[in-house]
Amino acid sequence: MKIVVDFDLCESNAICMQIAPDVFEVRDDDFLYVLNEHPDEGDRARMEECVQRCPKQAISLED
């Protein structure tokens, strides 16, 4: 599984960071950073929650 972020859509709302702080981070520069583009399969449910809860639909998953 791979995390894909459309940074043109992303507003760095940090909802994904609240769900998965080990994968997403919004830094002091107000930009989102993906800390782990390939999370373990055991994290799929959390990653799907990030996709669903992103207000701009900027996050997607690739298998």
PDB file of N, CA and C in Angstrom:
ATOM      1  N   MET A   1       0.850  -1.174   0.000  1.00  0.00           N
ATOM      2  CA  MET A   1       0.000   0.000   0.000  1.00  0.00           C
ATOM      3  C   MET A   1       0.896   1.239   0.000  1.00  0.00           C
ATOM      4  N   LYS A   2       0.476   2.221  -0.771  1.00  0.00           N
ATOM      5  CA  LYS A   2       1.228   3.474  -0.852  1.00  0.00           C
ATOM      6  C   LYS A   2       0.280   4.647  -0.614  1.00  0.00           C
ATOM      7  N   ILE A   3       0.739   5.605   0.203  1.00  0.00           N
ATOM      8  CA  ILE A   3      -0.004   6.840   0.455  1.00  0.00           C
ATOM      9  C   ILE A   3       0.314   7.824  -0.668  1.00  0.00           C
ATOM     10  N   VAL A   4      -0.727   8.407  -1.248  1.00  0.00           N
ATOM     11  CA  VAL A   4      -0.547   9.421  -2.283  1.00  0.00           C
ATOM     12  C   VAL A   4      -1.304  10.669  -1.834  1.00  0.00           C
ATOM     13  N   VAL A   5      -0.609  11.798  -1.828  1.00  0.00           N
ATOM     14  CA  VAL A   5      -1.228  13.063  -1.443  1.00  0.00           C
ATOM     15  C   VAL A   5      -1.161  14.025  -2.620  1.00  0.00           C
ATOM     16  N   ASP A   6      -2.305  14.596  -2.974  1.00  0.00           N
ATOM     17  CA  ASP A   6      -2.354  15.650  -3.985  1.00  0.00           C
ATOM     18  C   ASP A   6      -2.117  16.968  -3.247  1.00  0.00           C
ATOM     19  N   PHE A   7      -0.877  17.423  -3.291  1.00  0.00           N
ATOM     20  CA  PHE A   7      -0.514  18.613  -2.534  1.00  0.00           C
ATOM     21  C   PHE A   7      -1.139  19.888  -3.095  1.00  0.00           C
ATOM     22  N   ASP A   8      -1.659  19.834  -4.316  1.00  0.00           N
ATOM     23  CA  ASP A   8      -2.390  20.980  -4.854  1.00  0.00           C
ATOM     24  C   ASP A   8      -3.750  21.134  -4.169  1.00  0.00           C
ATOM     25  N   LEU A   9      -4.311  20.025  -3.701  1.00  0.00           N
ATOM     26  CA  LEU A   9      -5.597  20.048  -3.000  1.00  0.00           C
ATOM     27  C   LEU A   9      -5.449  20.194  -1.494  1.00  0.00           C
ATOM     28  N   CYS A  10      -4.360  19.677  -0.943  1.00  0.00           N
ATOM     29  CA  CYS A  10      -4.164  19.613   0.500  1.00  0.00           C
ATOM     30  C   CYS A  10      -4.118  21.011   1.111  1.00  0.00           C
ATOM     31  N   GLU A  11      -4.889  21.194   2.191  1.00  0.00           N
ATOM     32  CA  GLU A  11      -4.901  22.459   2.932  1.00  0.00           C
ATOM     33  C   GLU A  11      -4.217  22.322   4.288  1.00  0.00           C
ATOM     34  N   SER A  12      -3.550  21.197   4.528  1.00  0.00           N
ATOM     35  CA  SER A  12      -2.837  20.942   5.785  1.00  0.00           C
ATOM     36  C   SER A  12      -3.742  21.124   6.991  1.00  0.00           C
ATOM     37  N   ASN A  13      -4.931  20.538   6.927  1.00  0.00           N
ATOM     38  CA  ASN A  13      -5.884  20.622   8.026  1.00  0.00           C
ATOM     39  C   ASN A  13      -5.474  19.777   9.232  1.00  0.00           C
ATOM     40  N   ALA A  14      -4.555  18.841   9.020  1.00  0.00           N
ATOM     41  CA  ALA A  14      -3.983  17.992  10.073  1.00  0.00           C
ATOM     42  C   ALA A  14      -4.946  16.949  10.628  1.00  0.00           C
ATOM     43  N   ILE A  15      -6.050  16.722   9.977  1.00  0.00           N
ATOM     44  CA  ILE A  15      -6.955  15.654  10.408  1.00  0.00           C
ATOM     45  C   ILE A  15      -6.254  14.313  10.264  1.00  0.00           C
ATOM     46  N   CYS A  16      -5.538  14.121   9.162  1.00  0.00           N
ATOM     47  CA  CYS A  16      -4.800  12.877   8.957  1.00  0.00           C
ATOM     48  C   CYS A  16      -3.725  12.710  10.022  1.00  0.00           C
ATOM     49  N   MET A  17      -3.105  13.791  10.426  1.00  0.00           N
ATOM     50  CA  MET A  17      -2.065  13.734  11.446  1.00  0.00           C
ATOM     51  C   MET A  17      -2.656  13.322  12.798  1.00  0.00           C
ATOM     52  N   GLN A  18      -3.884  13.755  13.080  1.00  0.00           N
ATOM     53  CA  GLN A  18      -4.537  13.350  14.318  1.00  0.00           C
ATOM     54  C   GLN A  18      -4.815  11.850  14.323  1.00  0.00           C
ATOM     55  N   ILE A  19      -5.138  11.306  13.165  1.00  0.00           N
ATOM     56  CA  ILE A  19      -5.450   9.885  13.046  1.00  0.00           C
ATOM     57  C   ILE A  19      -4.175   9.045  13.023  1.00  0.00           C
ATOM     58  N   ALA A  20      -3.168   9.511  12.296  1.00  0.00           N
ATOM     59  CA  ALA A  20      -1.945   8.724  12.096  1.00  0.00           C
ATOM     60  C   ALA A  20      -0.703   9.615  12.192  1.00  0.00           C
ATOM     61  N   PRO A  21      -0.342  10.034  13.403  1.00  0.00           N
ATOM     62  CA  PRO A  21       0.809  10.929  13.555  1.00  0.00           C
ATOM     63  C   PRO A  21       2.143  10.282  13.189  1.00  0.00           C
ATOM     64  N   ASP A  22       2.163   8.962  13.092  1.00  0.00           N
ATOM     65  CA  ASP A  22       3.378   8.271  12.680  1.00  0.00           C
ATOM     66  C   ASP A  22       3.534   8.259  11.156  1.00  0.00           C
ATOM     67  N   VAL A  23       2.499   8.677  10.444  1.00  0.00           N
ATOM     68  CA  VAL A  23       2.521   8.672   8.975  1.00  0.00           C
ATOM     69  C   VAL A  23       2.464  10.088   8.409  1.00  0.00           C
ATOM     70  N   PHE A  24       1.694  10.974   9.046  1.00  0.00           N
ATOM     71  CA  PHE A  24       1.511  12.342   8.550  1.00  0.00           C
ATOM     72  C   PHE A  24       1.978  13.357   9.587  1.00  0.00           C
ATOM     73  N   GLU A  25       2.531  14.456   9.097  1.00  0.00           N
ATOM     74  CA  GLU A  25       2.959  15.522  10.001  1.00  0.00           C
ATOM     75  C   GLU A  25       2.771  16.873   9.324  1.00  0.00           C
ATOM     76  N   VAL A  26       2.114  17.788  10.020  1.00  0.00           N
ATOM     77  CA  VAL A  26       2.035  19.175   9.577  1.00  0.00           C
ATOM     78  C   VAL A  26       3.044  19.940  10.423  1.00  0.00           C
ATOM     79  N   ARG A  27       4.015  20.524   9.756  1.00  0.00           N
ATOM     80  CA  ARG A  27       5.104  21.200  10.461  1.00  0.00           C
ATOM     81  C   ARG A  27       4.815  22.687  10.627  1.00  0.00           C
ATOM     82  N   ASP A  28       5.727  23.367  11.274  1.00  0.00           N
ATOM     83  CA  ASP A  28       5.577  24.797  11.556  1.00  0.00           C
ATOM     84  C   ASP A  28       5.411  25.635  10.293  1.00  0.00           C
ATOM     85  N   ASP A  29       5.841  25.098   9.151  1.00  0.00           N
ATOM     86  CA  ASP A  29       5.683  25.834   7.889  1.00  0.00           C
ATOM     87  C   ASP A  29       4.287  25.660   7.292  1.00  0.00           C
ATOM     88  N   ASP A  30       3.400  24.942   8.019  1.00  0.00           N
ATOM     89  CA  ASP A  30       2.005  24.688   7.606  1.00  0.00           C
ATOM     90  C   ASP A  30       1.889  23.828   6.359  1.00  0.00           C
ATOM     91  N   PHE A  31       2.872  22.996   6.111  1.00  0.00           N
ATOM     92  CA  PHE A  31       2.810  22.038   5.016  1.00  0.00           C
ATOM     93  C   PHE A  31       2.727  20.624   5.583  1.00  0.00           C
ATOM     94  N   LEU A  32       1.990  19.775   4.867  1.00  0.00           N
ATOM     95  CA  LEU A  32       1.876  18.377   5.247  1.00  0.00           C
ATOM     96  C   LEU A  32       3.073  17.606   4.714  1.00  0.00           C
ATOM     97  N   TYR A  33       3.608  16.733   5.553  1.00  0.00           N
ATOM     98  CA  TYR A  33       4.695  15.836   5.150  1.00  0.00           C
ATOM     99  C   TYR A  33       4.246  14.409   5.401  1.00  0.00           C
ATOM    100  N   VAL A  34       4.563  13.534   4.469  1.00  0.00           N
ATOM    101  CA  VAL A  34       4.280  12.108   4.621  1.00  0.00           C
ATOM    102  C   VAL A  34       5.549  11.474   5.170  1.00  0.00           C
ATOM    103  N   LEU A  35       5.472  10.960   6.376  1.00  0.00           N
ATOM    104  CA  LEU A  35       6.637  10.388   7.040  1.00  0.00           C
ATOM    105  C   LEU A  35       6.898   8.952   6.607  1.00  0.00           C
ATOM    106  N   ASN A  36       5.856   8.276   6.149  1.00  0.00           N
ATOM    107  CA  ASN A  36       5.977   6.882   5.732  1.00  0.00           C
ATOM    108  C   ASN A  36       5.019   6.639   4.576  1.00  0.00           C
ATOM    109  N   GLU A  37       5.530   6.645   3.356  1.00  0.00           N
ATOM    110  CA  GLU A  37       4.668   6.460   2.180  1.00  0.00           C
ATOM    111  C   GLU A  37       4.144   5.044   2.050  1.00  0.00           C
ATOM    112  N   HIS A  38       4.771   4.097   2.720  1.00  0.00           N
ATOM    113  CA  HIS A  38       4.391   2.689   2.606  1.00  0.00           C
ATOM    114  C   HIS A  38       4.124   2.079   3.983  1.00  0.00           C
ATOM    115  N   PRO A  39       3.007   2.475   4.628  1.00  0.00           N
ATOM    116  CA  PRO A  39       2.697   1.906   5.947  1.00  0.00           C
ATOM    117  C   PRO A  39       2.381   0.415   5.841  1.00  0.00           C
ATOM    118  N   ASP A  40       2.507  -0.251   6.977  1.00  0.00           N
ATOM    119  CA  ASP A  40       2.221  -1.682   7.016  1.00  0.00           C
ATOM    120  C   ASP A  40       0.756  -1.956   6.697  1.00  0.00           C
ATOM    121  N   GLU A  41       0.515  -3.140   6.170  1.00  0.00           N
ATOM    122  CA  GLU A  41      -0.846  -3.540   5.823  1.00  0.00           C
ATOM    123  C   GLU A  41      -1.763  -3.505   7.045  1.00  0.00           C
ATOM    124  N   GLY A  42      -1.210  -3.730   8.227  1.00  0.00           N
ATOM    125  CA  GLY A  42      -1.985  -3.688   9.451  1.00  0.00           C
ATOM    126  C   GLY A  42      -2.533  -2.297   9.759  1.00  0.00           C
ATOM    127  N   ASP A  43      -2.006  -1.282   9.097  1.00  0.00           N
ATOM    128  CA  ASP A  43      -2.473   0.094   9.278  1.00  0.00           C
ATOM    129  C   ASP A  43      -3.504   0.520   8.238  1.00  0.00           C
ATOM    130  N   ARG A  44      -3.960  -0.414   7.422  1.00  0.00           N
ATOM    131  CA  ARG A  44      -4.886  -0.072   6.335  1.00  0.00           C
ATOM    132  C   ARG A  44      -6.144   0.635   6.842  1.00  0.00           C
ATOM    133  N   ALA A  45      -6.721   0.173   7.925  1.00  0.00           N
ATOM    134  CA  ALA A  45      -7.966   0.779   8.423  1.00  0.00           C
ATOM    135  C   ALA A  45      -7.743   2.253   8.786  1.00  0.00           C
ATOM    136  N   ARG A  46      -6.626   2.552   9.441  1.00  0.00           N
ATOM    137  CA  ARG A  46      -6.333   3.951   9.785  1.00  0.00           C
ATOM    138  C   ARG A  46      -6.091   4.785   8.541  1.00  0.00           C
ATOM    139  N   MET A  47      -5.411   4.204   7.558  1.00  0.00           N
ATOM    140  CA  MET A  47      -5.135   4.944   6.326  1.00  0.00           C
ATOM    141  C   MET A  47      -6.428   5.212   5.561  1.00  0.00           C
ATOM    142  N   GLU A  48      -7.329   4.244   5.549  1.00  0.00           N
ATOM    143  CA  GLU A  48      -8.622   4.440   4.895  1.00  0.00           C
ATOM    144  C   GLU A  48      -9.435   5.511   5.612  1.00  0.00           C
ATOM    145  N   GLU A  49      -9.314   5.573   6.937  1.00  0.00           N
ATOM    146  CA  GLU A  49      -9.993   6.630   7.687  1.00  0.00           C
ATOM    147  C   GLU A  49      -9.422   7.994   7.302  1.00  0.00           C
ATOM    148  N   CYS A  50      -8.116   8.084   7.124  1.00  0.00           N
ATOM    149  CA  CYS A  50      -7.500   9.341   6.687  1.00  0.00           C
ATOM    150  C   CYS A  50      -8.042   9.757   5.322  1.00  0.00           C
ATOM    151  N   VAL A  51      -8.143   8.808   4.421  1.00  0.00           N
ATOM    152  CA  VAL A  51      -8.677   9.094   3.082  1.00  0.00           C
ATOM    153  C   VAL A  51     -10.106   9.619   3.193  1.00  0.00           C
ATOM    154  N   GLN A  52     -10.929   8.947   3.971  1.00  0.00           N
ATOM    155  CA  GLN A  52     -12.340   9.304   4.092  1.00  0.00           C
ATOM    156  C   GLN A  52     -12.562  10.635   4.797  1.00  0.00           C
ATOM    157  N   ARG A  53     -11.731  10.952   5.784  1.00  0.00           N
ATOM    158  CA  ARG A  53     -11.960  12.151   6.590  1.00  0.00           C
ATOM    159  C   ARG A  53     -11.257  13.395   6.062  1.00  0.00           C
ATOM    160  N   CYS A  54     -10.419  13.247   5.049  1.00  0.00           N
ATOM    161  CA  CYS A  54      -9.744  14.414   4.479  1.00  0.00           C
ATOM    162  C   CYS A  54     -10.790  15.348   3.861  1.00  0.00           C
ATOM    163  N   PRO A  55     -10.890  16.583   4.358  1.00  0.00           N
ATOM    164  CA  PRO A  55     -11.935  17.491   3.864  1.00  0.00           C
ATOM    165  C   PRO A  55     -11.766  17.876   2.396  1.00  0.00           C
ATOM    166  N   LYS A  56     -10.570  17.797   1.866  1.00  0.00           N
ATOM    167  CA  LYS A  56     -10.320  18.160   0.462  1.00  0.00           C
ATOM    168  C   LYS A  56     -10.135  16.944  -0.428  1.00  0.00           C
ATOM    169  N   GLN A  57     -10.277  15.735   0.154  1.00  0.00           N
ATOM    170  CA  GLN A  57     -10.096  14.486  -0.603  1.00  0.00           C
ATOM    171  C   GLN A  57      -8.732  14.475  -1.308  1.00  0.00           C
ATOM    172  N   ALA A  58      -7.713  14.911  -0.586  1.00  0.00           N
ATOM    173  CA  ALA A  58      -6.365  15.023  -1.140  1.00  0.00           C
ATOM    174  C   ALA A  58      -5.529  13.756  -0.942  1.00  0.00           C
ATOM    175  N   ILE A  59      -6.027  12.819  -0.147  1.00  0.00           N
ATOM    176  CA  ILE A  59      -5.274  11.600   0.163  1.00  0.00           C
ATOM    177  C   ILE A  59      -5.919  10.418  -0.540  1.00  0.00           C
ATOM    178  N   SER A  60      -5.074   9.569  -1.112  1.00  0.00           N
ATOM    179  CA  SER A  60      -5.560   8.324  -1.700  1.00  0.00           C
ATOM    180  C   SER A  60      -4.560   7.217  -1.406  1.00  0.00           C
ATOM    181  N   LEU A  61      -5.003   5.984  -1.619  1.00  0.00           N
ATOM    182  CA  LEU A  61      -4.163   4.803  -1.419  1.00  0.00           C
ATOM    183  C   LEU A  61      -3.995   4.080  -2.735  1.00  0.00           C
ATOM    184  N   GLU A  62      -2.791   3.582  -2.968  1.00  0.00           N
ATOM    185  CA  GLU A  62      -2.509   2.711  -4.111  1.00  0.00           C
ATOM    186  C   GLU A  62      -2.022   1.378  -3.576  1.00  0.00           C
ATOM    187  N   ASP A  63      -2.437   0.307  -4.226  1.00  0.00           N
ATOM    188  CA  ASP A  63      -1.969  -1.030  -3.808  1.00  0.00           C
ATOM    189  C   ASP A  63      -0.784  -1.477  -4.615  1.00  0.00           C
TER     190      ASP A  63
END
